[in-house]
Amino acid sequence: MTGKIKFAIIGSGNIANTYCTAIGKIEEAEVVAVVSQKLSKPADFDQLPSYHTLDEIEMEFDAVIICTPNGNHHIGAIEAATLGKHVLCEKPIDISLESIDRMINACKRI
């Protein structure tokens, strides 16, 4: 693989800041955008552009990290899979079996 793995973070709460910090320490990876309904950003990452949805992101990215509340994980995961992006999600991956199945099926299609 050439170049860095480019991530979009979905969600802007405390855990998003943790992921941004961790990825910042990996030479082969970088966070390029944040998706937030409120257009807010992790505290230490004001320089990142923010968007309401993944499909608004104007630059190339490879994967997303889901940092939304557990019951909303499926929303970002399905949107990312629809765009052909890799999905990293914390556990629990969602709170209902129906949402989990929808996430898995969306990711299998990419």
Protein backbone atom coordinates (compact mmCIF):
# COMPACT_ATOMS: atom_id res chain seq x y z
CA MET A 1 0.00 0.00 0.00
CA THR A 2 1.20 3.49 -0.76
CA GLY A 3 0.26 6.64 1.07
CA LYS A 4 -1.55 7.07 4.33
CA ILE A 5 -4.82 5.49 5.37
CA LYS A 6 -7.25 8.39 5.59
CA PHE A 7 -10.01 8.26 8.18
CA ALA A 8 -13.20 10.20 8.70
CA ILE A 9 -14.44 10.24 12.28
CA ILE A 10 -18.21 10.00 12.72
CA GLY A 11 -19.18 11.72 15.97
CA SER A 12 -17.37 14.37 17.93
CA GLY A 13 -17.59 13.39 21.59
CA ASN A 14 -14.77 12.46 23.96
CA ILE A 15 -13.96 9.14 22.30
CA ALA A 16 -13.48 10.92 18.96
CA ASN A 17 -10.72 12.99 20.54
CA THR A 18 -9.08 9.79 21.78
CA TYR A 19 -9.13 8.26 18.30
CA CYS A 20 -7.80 11.43 16.67
CA THR A 21 -4.92 11.52 19.15
CA ALA A 22 -4.11 7.84 18.62
CA ILE A 23 -4.23 8.06 14.83
CA GLY A 24 -2.04 11.16 14.99
CA LYS A 25 0.71 8.94 16.40
CA ILE A 26 0.56 6.51 13.47
CA GLU A 27 2.78 7.62 10.61
CA GLU A 28 0.77 5.65 8.02
CA ALA A 29 -2.63 7.09 9.01
CA GLU A 30 -4.39 10.40 9.38
CA VAL A 31 -7.81 11.81 10.20
CA VAL A 32 -9.02 14.04 7.39
CA ALA A 33 -12.59 14.94 8.44
CA VAL A 34 -15.23 14.79 11.13
CA VAL A 35 -18.90 14.06 10.57
CA SER A 36 -21.14 15.61 13.22
CA GLN A 37 -24.81 16.58 13.17
CA LYS A 38 -23.85 19.70 15.15
CA LEU A 39 -20.73 20.32 13.04
CA SER A 40 -18.69 20.20 16.22
CA LYS A 41 -15.16 18.80 16.36
CA PRO A 42 -13.06 16.92 18.90
CA ALA A 43 -11.59 19.44 21.35
CA ASP A 44 -7.98 19.28 20.19
CA PHE A 45 -8.74 19.04 16.47
CA ASP A 46 -10.34 22.33 15.47
CA GLN A 47 -8.38 22.35 12.20
CA LEU A 48 -10.32 19.36 10.81
CA PRO A 49 -13.14 20.14 8.40
CA SER A 50 -16.54 18.96 9.60
CA TYR A 51 -19.57 17.81 7.66
CA HIS A 52 -23.14 16.69 8.38
CA THR A 53 -22.82 13.49 6.31
CA LEU A 54 -20.08 11.36 4.79
CA ASP A 55 -21.14 12.05 1.22
CA GLU A 56 -20.46 15.77 1.77
CA ILE A 57 -16.76 15.11 2.38
CA GLU A 58 -14.80 16.67 -0.45
CA MET A 59 -11.48 14.87 -0.04
CA GLU A 60 -10.57 11.21 -0.46
CA PHE A 61 -10.83 8.95 2.56
CA ASP A 62 -10.53 5.20 3.03
CA ALA A 63 -12.33 4.36 6.23
CA VAL A 64 -14.51 5.65 9.03
CA ILE A 65 -14.32 5.28 12.77
CA ILE A 66 -17.74 5.27 14.39
CA CYS A 67 -17.74 7.44 17.55
CA THR A 68 -21.47 8.04 17.97
CA PRO A 69 -23.68 6.72 20.78
CA ASN A 70 -24.12 2.94 20.60
CA GLY A 71 -27.70 3.11 19.32
CA ASN A 72 -26.60 5.22 16.35
CA HIS A 73 -23.63 3.13 15.21
CA HIS A 74 -25.65 1.54 12.41
CA ILE A 75 -26.41 4.90 10.78
CA GLY A 76 -22.78 5.81 10.10
CA ALA A 77 -21.73 2.25 9.35
CA ILE A 78 -24.39 1.75 6.71
CA GLU A 79 -23.67 5.16 5.14
CA ALA A 80 -19.94 4.35 4.99
CA ALA A 81 -20.52 0.87 3.55
CA THR A 82 -22.82 2.36 0.91
CA LEU A 83 -19.92 4.60 -0.13
CA GLY A 84 -17.57 1.60 -0.25
CA LYS A 85 -15.55 2.66 2.82
CA HIS A 86 -14.06 0.45 5.53
CA VAL A 87 -15.83 0.64 8.90
CA LEU A 88 -14.22 0.54 12.35
CA CYS A 89 -16.72 0.42 15.17
CA GLU A 90 -16.41 0.14 18.92
CA LYS A 91 -18.33 -2.43 20.87
CA PRO A 92 -21.14 -2.91 21.23
CA ILE A 93 -21.54 -2.43 17.51
CA ASP A 94 -25.15 -1.40 18.13
CA ILE A 95 -27.95 -2.01 20.61
CA SER A 96 -30.42 -4.05 18.55
CA LEU A 97 -29.89 -7.24 16.61
CA GLU A 98 -31.83 -5.78 13.69
CA SER A 99 -29.44 -2.81 13.44
CA ILE A 100 -26.42 -5.07 13.80
CA ASP A 101 -27.65 -7.32 11.00
CA ARG A 102 -28.24 -4.29 8.77
CA MET A 103 -24.68 -3.08 9.45
CA ILE A 104 -23.17 -6.46 8.69
CA ASN A 105 -25.17 -6.88 5.51
CA ALA A 106 -24.21 -3.40 4.28
CA CYS A 107 -20.54 -4.10 4.90
CA LYS A 108 -20.71 -7.48 3.14
CA ARG A 109 -21.85 -5.69 -0.04
CA ILE A 110 -18.69 -3.59 -0.38
